[in-house]
């Protein structure tokens, strides 16, 4: 995220189940880390371009998530994966906890 112009604030390395719950991200949409930016929750390996889009468009959602840790997503795209990429969805989490595809990556 820093290479995409985002400043990283305070980091907590003590689990994120409580943060997910507080921000409205159901456990079924969980991943490895949770961020809060301008009132939106971002869970897992959400591409910076989708974060920027949300911050620009300001949709009425709780946030975005990439459940799990798909290979090829940001941070899961290093040389150890030898160019392999899984298709994955970025999900928009509605304030009622429901999810819908926000962006699909192949």
N, C-alpha and C. Protein backbone atom coordinates (compact mmCIF):
# COMPACT_ATOMS: atom_id res chain seq x y z
N UNK A 1 0.83 -1.19 0.00
CA UNK A 1 0.00 0.00 0.00
C UNK A 1 0.87 1.25 0.00
N UNK A 2 2.00 1.19 0.71
CA UNK A 2 2.85 2.37 0.73
C UNK A 2 3.40 2.69 -0.65
N UNK A 3 3.67 1.67 -1.45
CA UNK A 3 4.17 1.91 -2.80
C UNK A 3 3.09 2.48 -3.72
N UNK A 4 1.84 2.48 -3.25
CA UNK A 4 0.74 3.07 -4.00
C UNK A 4 0.28 4.39 -3.41
N UNK A 5 1.13 4.99 -2.55
CA UNK A 5 0.86 6.32 -2.03
C UNK A 5 0.08 6.39 -0.74
N UNK A 6 -0.19 5.25 -0.10
CA UNK A 6 -0.92 5.25 1.16
C UNK A 6 0.06 5.34 2.32
N UNK A 7 -0.26 6.18 3.29
CA UNK A 7 0.52 6.24 4.52
C UNK A 7 -0.06 5.21 5.48
N UNK A 8 0.81 4.44 6.10
CA UNK A 8 0.37 3.42 7.05
C UNK A 8 0.48 4.01 8.45
N UNK A 9 -0.63 3.97 9.17
CA UNK A 9 -0.67 4.50 10.54
C UNK A 9 -0.29 3.44 11.54
N UNK A 10 -1.00 3.39 12.62
CA UNK A 10 -0.73 2.46 13.71
C UNK A 10 -1.03 1.03 13.28
N UNK A 11 -0.13 0.12 13.61
CA UNK A 11 -0.27 -1.29 13.27
C UNK A 11 -0.45 -2.09 14.55
N UNK A 12 -1.45 -2.96 14.56
CA UNK A 12 -1.70 -3.86 15.69
C UNK A 12 -1.45 -5.28 15.21
N UNK A 13 -0.59 -6.00 15.89
CA UNK A 13 -0.29 -7.38 15.52
C UNK A 13 -0.85 -8.36 16.54
N UNK A 14 -2.12 -8.20 16.86
CA UNK A 14 -2.70 -9.04 17.91
C UNK A 14 -3.99 -9.73 17.46
N UNK A 15 -4.08 -10.06 16.20
CA UNK A 15 -5.28 -10.71 15.68
C UNK A 15 -6.28 -9.68 15.20
N UNK A 16 -7.19 -10.11 14.34
CA UNK A 16 -8.12 -9.12 13.80
C UNK A 16 -9.58 -9.56 13.83
N UNK A 17 -9.91 -10.62 14.55
CA UNK A 17 -11.31 -11.04 14.64
C UNK A 17 -12.17 -9.94 15.22
N UNK A 18 -11.68 -9.27 16.27
CA UNK A 18 -12.45 -8.19 16.89
C UNK A 18 -12.61 -7.02 15.92
N UNK A 19 -11.56 -6.71 15.18
CA UNK A 19 -11.64 -5.61 14.21
C UNK A 19 -12.65 -5.94 13.11
N UNK A 20 -12.60 -7.17 12.60
CA UNK A 20 -13.57 -7.57 11.57
C UNK A 20 -14.99 -7.39 12.08
N UNK A 21 -15.25 -7.87 13.27
CA UNK A 21 -16.59 -7.78 13.85
C UNK A 21 -17.00 -6.32 14.00
N UNK A 22 -16.12 -5.50 14.53
CA UNK A 22 -16.41 -4.08 14.74
C UNK A 22 -16.73 -3.38 13.43
N UNK A 23 -16.05 -3.74 12.35
CA UNK A 23 -16.21 -3.06 11.07
C UNK A 23 -17.24 -3.71 10.16
N UNK A 24 -17.88 -4.80 10.61
CA UNK A 24 -18.95 -5.43 9.84
C UNK A 24 -18.52 -6.43 8.81
N UNK A 25 -17.32 -6.97 8.96
CA UNK A 25 -16.81 -7.98 8.03
C UNK A 25 -17.03 -9.35 8.67
N UNK A 26 -17.94 -10.14 8.12
CA UNK A 26 -18.23 -11.46 8.65
C UNK A 26 -17.02 -12.38 8.57
N UNK A 27 -16.95 -13.33 9.48
CA UNK A 27 -15.81 -14.25 9.54
C UNK A 27 -15.63 -15.02 8.23
N UNK A 28 -16.74 -15.28 7.51
CA UNK A 28 -16.64 -16.00 6.24
C UNK A 28 -15.92 -15.18 5.16
N UNK A 29 -15.76 -13.88 5.40
CA UNK A 29 -15.07 -13.01 4.44
C UNK A 29 -13.67 -12.64 4.92
N UNK A 30 -13.19 -13.33 5.93
CA UNK A 30 -11.92 -12.99 6.55
C UNK A 30 -10.70 -13.35 5.73
N UNK A 31 -9.62 -12.71 6.12
CA UNK A 31 -8.31 -12.97 5.53
C UNK A 31 -7.27 -12.74 6.61
N UNK A 32 -6.14 -12.19 6.25
CA UNK A 32 -5.02 -12.11 7.16
C UNK A 32 -4.85 -10.77 7.87
N UNK A 33 -5.45 -9.72 7.38
CA UNK A 33 -5.30 -8.42 8.03
C UNK A 33 -6.48 -7.52 7.68
N UNK A 34 -6.71 -6.54 8.53
CA UNK A 34 -7.83 -5.63 8.38
C UNK A 34 -7.32 -4.20 8.50
N UNK A 35 -7.80 -3.34 7.61
CA UNK A 35 -7.42 -1.92 7.67
C UNK A 35 -8.69 -1.07 7.66
N UNK A 36 -8.60 0.08 8.27
CA UNK A 36 -9.68 1.05 8.25
C UNK A 36 -9.14 2.32 7.62
N UNK A 37 -9.79 2.74 6.52
CA UNK A 37 -9.38 3.96 5.82
C UNK A 37 -10.62 4.79 5.56
N UNK A 38 -10.64 5.98 6.09
CA UNK A 38 -11.76 6.92 5.88
C UNK A 38 -13.12 6.28 6.14
N UNK A 39 -13.21 5.46 7.17
CA UNK A 39 -14.47 4.85 7.55
C UNK A 39 -14.82 3.57 6.83
N UNK A 40 -13.99 3.13 5.91
CA UNK A 40 -14.20 1.88 5.18
C UNK A 40 -13.23 0.81 5.70
N UNK A 41 -13.72 -0.42 5.83
CA UNK A 41 -12.87 -1.54 6.20
C UNK A 41 -12.34 -2.21 4.93
N UNK A 42 -11.09 -2.58 4.96
CA UNK A 42 -10.46 -3.32 3.86
C UNK A 42 -9.81 -4.55 4.47
N UNK A 43 -10.27 -5.71 4.02
CA UNK A 43 -9.87 -6.98 4.60
C UNK A 43 -9.07 -7.79 3.59
N UNK A 44 -7.87 -8.19 3.99
CA UNK A 44 -7.06 -9.05 3.16
C UNK A 44 -6.30 -8.32 2.06
N UNK A 45 -6.09 -9.01 0.97
CA UNK A 45 -5.22 -8.53 -0.11
C UNK A 45 -6.01 -7.78 -1.18
N UNK A 46 -6.67 -6.71 -0.78
CA UNK A 46 -7.44 -5.88 -1.71
C UNK A 46 -6.47 -5.03 -2.53
N UNK A 47 -6.56 -5.09 -3.86
CA UNK A 47 -5.68 -4.27 -4.69
C UNK A 47 -5.89 -2.78 -4.44
N UNK A 48 -4.79 -2.04 -4.47
CA UNK A 48 -4.83 -0.59 -4.23
C UNK A 48 -5.81 0.11 -5.16
N UNK A 49 -5.92 -0.33 -6.40
CA UNK A 49 -6.83 0.34 -7.34
C UNK A 49 -8.28 0.27 -6.88
N UNK A 50 -8.66 -0.81 -6.19
CA UNK A 50 -10.02 -0.93 -5.67
C UNK A 50 -10.21 -0.06 -4.44
N UNK A 51 -9.16 0.06 -3.61
CA UNK A 51 -9.22 0.96 -2.46
C UNK A 51 -9.40 2.39 -2.96
N UNK A 52 -8.61 2.79 -3.94
CA UNK A 52 -8.70 4.14 -4.50
C UNK A 52 -10.10 4.39 -5.07
N UNK A 53 -10.64 3.41 -5.78
CA UNK A 53 -11.99 3.55 -6.36
C UNK A 53 -13.04 3.79 -5.27
N UNK A 54 -12.98 3.01 -4.20
CA UNK A 54 -13.94 3.19 -3.10
C UNK A 54 -13.80 4.59 -2.49
N UNK A 55 -12.57 5.01 -2.26
CA UNK A 55 -12.36 6.31 -1.63
C UNK A 55 -12.80 7.46 -2.54
N UNK A 56 -12.74 7.24 -3.84
CA UNK A 56 -13.19 8.26 -4.80
C UNK A 56 -14.71 8.26 -4.94
N UNK A 57 -15.30 7.07 -5.10
CA UNK A 57 -16.74 6.97 -5.37
C UNK A 57 -17.59 7.03 -4.11
N UNK A 58 -17.03 6.67 -2.95
CA UNK A 58 -17.72 6.71 -1.66
C UNK A 58 -19.05 5.95 -1.65
N UNK A 59 -19.03 4.66 -2.04
CA UNK A 59 -20.29 3.89 -2.03
C UNK A 59 -20.76 3.67 -0.58
N UNK A 60 -22.03 3.37 -0.44
CA UNK A 60 -22.62 3.13 0.88
C UNK A 60 -22.42 1.66 1.26
N UNK A 61 -21.18 1.31 1.58
CA UNK A 61 -20.81 -0.05 1.95
C UNK A 61 -19.97 0.00 3.23
N UNK A 62 -19.81 -1.16 3.86
CA UNK A 62 -18.92 -1.25 5.03
C UNK A 62 -17.46 -1.30 4.58
N UNK A 63 -17.21 -1.96 3.43
CA UNK A 63 -15.84 -2.05 2.94
C UNK A 63 -15.67 -3.12 1.89
N UNK A 64 -14.42 -3.46 1.64
CA UNK A 64 -14.06 -4.47 0.64
C UNK A 64 -13.26 -5.58 1.29
N UNK A 65 -13.37 -6.77 0.73
CA UNK A 65 -12.58 -7.89 1.21
C UNK A 65 -12.16 -8.79 0.05
N UNK A 66 -11.01 -9.41 0.24
CA UNK A 66 -10.57 -10.53 -0.59
C UNK A 66 -10.39 -11.69 0.38
N UNK A 67 -11.41 -12.55 0.49
CA UNK A 67 -11.31 -13.66 1.44
C UNK A 67 -10.15 -14.60 1.11
N UNK A 68 -9.57 -15.14 2.16
CA UNK A 68 -8.43 -16.04 1.96
C UNK A 68 -7.20 -15.27 1.53
N UNK A 69 -6.32 -15.94 0.89
CA UNK A 69 -5.08 -15.32 0.42
C UNK A 69 -4.76 -15.84 -0.98
N UNK A 70 -5.53 -15.40 -2.00
CA UNK A 70 -5.33 -15.95 -3.35
C UNK A 70 -3.96 -15.59 -3.94
N UNK A 71 -3.36 -16.57 -4.54
CA UNK A 71 -2.08 -16.35 -5.21
C UNK A 71 -2.29 -15.41 -6.39
N UNK A 72 -1.41 -14.41 -6.47
CA UNK A 72 -1.51 -13.41 -7.53
C UNK A 72 -2.10 -12.11 -7.03
N UNK A 73 -2.75 -12.13 -5.87
CA UNK A 73 -3.26 -10.88 -5.30
C UNK A 73 -2.08 -10.10 -4.73
N UNK A 74 -2.24 -8.80 -4.48
CA UNK A 74 -1.12 -8.01 -3.95
C UNK A 74 -0.57 -8.63 -2.66
N UNK A 75 0.73 -8.79 -2.63
CA UNK A 75 1.38 -9.41 -1.48
C UNK A 75 1.50 -10.92 -1.61
N UNK A 76 0.76 -11.49 -2.52
CA UNK A 76 0.82 -12.93 -2.79
C UNK A 76 1.28 -13.15 -4.23
N UNK A 77 2.14 -12.27 -4.69
CA UNK A 77 2.56 -12.29 -6.09
C UNK A 77 4.09 -12.29 -6.25
N UNK A 78 4.78 -12.73 -5.23
CA UNK A 78 6.24 -12.73 -5.26
C UNK A 78 6.82 -13.80 -6.17
N UNK A 79 8.14 -13.76 -6.34
CA UNK A 79 8.82 -14.71 -7.23
C UNK A 79 8.63 -16.17 -6.81
N UNK A 80 8.37 -16.39 -5.53
CA UNK A 80 8.20 -17.78 -5.08
C UNK A 80 6.95 -18.43 -5.68
N UNK A 81 6.04 -17.63 -6.23
CA UNK A 81 4.83 -18.18 -6.87
C UNK A 81 5.02 -18.44 -8.36
N UNK A 82 6.19 -18.09 -8.88
CA UNK A 82 6.58 -18.40 -10.26
C UNK A 82 5.54 -17.97 -11.29
N UNK A 83 4.93 -16.79 -11.08
CA UNK A 83 3.97 -16.24 -12.04
C UNK A 83 2.57 -16.82 -11.95
N UNK A 84 2.36 -17.77 -11.06
CA UNK A 84 1.02 -18.36 -10.92
C UNK A 84 0.04 -17.32 -10.39
N UNK A 85 -1.18 -17.34 -10.91
CA UNK A 85 -2.22 -16.42 -10.46
C UNK A 85 -3.54 -17.17 -10.39
N UNK A 86 -4.19 -17.06 -9.26
CA UNK A 86 -5.54 -17.58 -9.10
C UNK A 86 -6.54 -16.49 -9.46
N UNK A 87 -7.66 -16.89 -10.06
CA UNK A 87 -8.76 -15.93 -10.23
C UNK A 87 -9.35 -15.67 -8.85
N UNK A 88 -9.73 -14.43 -8.59
CA UNK A 88 -10.34 -14.11 -7.29
C UNK A 88 -11.26 -12.90 -7.43
N UNK A 89 -12.12 -12.77 -6.45
CA UNK A 89 -13.06 -11.66 -6.41
C UNK A 89 -12.75 -10.74 -5.24
N UNK A 90 -12.88 -9.46 -5.50
CA UNK A 90 -12.93 -8.46 -4.44
C UNK A 90 -14.42 -8.29 -4.16
N UNK A 91 -14.81 -8.46 -2.91
CA UNK A 91 -16.22 -8.38 -2.54
C UNK A 91 -16.50 -7.07 -1.82
N UNK A 92 -17.62 -6.46 -2.17
CA UNK A 92 -18.12 -5.30 -1.43
C UNK A 92 -19.02 -5.84 -0.34
N UNK A 93 -18.74 -5.44 0.89
CA UNK A 93 -19.56 -5.86 2.03
C UNK A 93 -20.55 -4.74 2.33
N UNK A 94 -21.81 -5.09 2.19
CA UNK A 94 -22.87 -4.12 2.48
C UNK A 94 -22.96 -3.91 3.99
N UNK A 95 -23.57 -2.85 4.40
CA UNK A 95 -23.69 -2.56 5.83
C UNK A 95 -24.57 -3.57 6.56
N UNK A 96 -25.35 -4.36 5.81
CA UNK A 96 -26.15 -5.42 6.44
C UNK A 96 -25.39 -6.75 6.48
N UNK A 97 -24.13 -6.75 6.06
CA UNK A 97 -23.29 -7.94 6.11
C UNK A 97 -23.30 -8.78 4.85
N UNK A 98 -24.17 -8.48 3.91
CA UNK A 98 -24.22 -9.22 2.65
C UNK A 98 -23.05 -8.79 1.75
N UNK A 99 -22.66 -9.66 0.84
CA UNK A 99 -21.53 -9.37 -0.05
C UNK A 99 -21.95 -9.50 -1.50
N UNK A 100 -21.29 -8.72 -2.34
CA UNK A 100 -21.46 -8.85 -3.78
C UNK A 100 -20.11 -8.58 -4.44
N UNK A 101 -19.93 -9.14 -5.64
CA UNK A 101 -18.66 -8.95 -6.35
C UNK A 101 -18.52 -7.48 -6.72
N UNK A 102 -17.39 -6.93 -6.37
CA UNK A 102 -17.05 -5.54 -6.68
C UNK A 102 -16.10 -5.49 -7.88
N UNK A 103 -15.18 -6.45 -7.93
CA UNK A 103 -14.22 -6.53 -9.04
C UNK A 103 -13.72 -7.97 -9.12
N UNK A 104 -13.63 -8.50 -10.31
CA UNK A 104 -13.13 -9.86 -10.53
C UNK A 104 -11.76 -9.77 -11.19
N UNK A 105 -10.84 -10.57 -10.72
CA UNK A 105 -9.50 -10.64 -11.30
C UNK A 105 -9.25 -12.05 -11.81
N UNK A 106 -8.68 -12.15 -13.01
CA UNK A 106 -8.29 -13.45 -13.59
C UNK A 106 -6.80 -13.65 -13.47
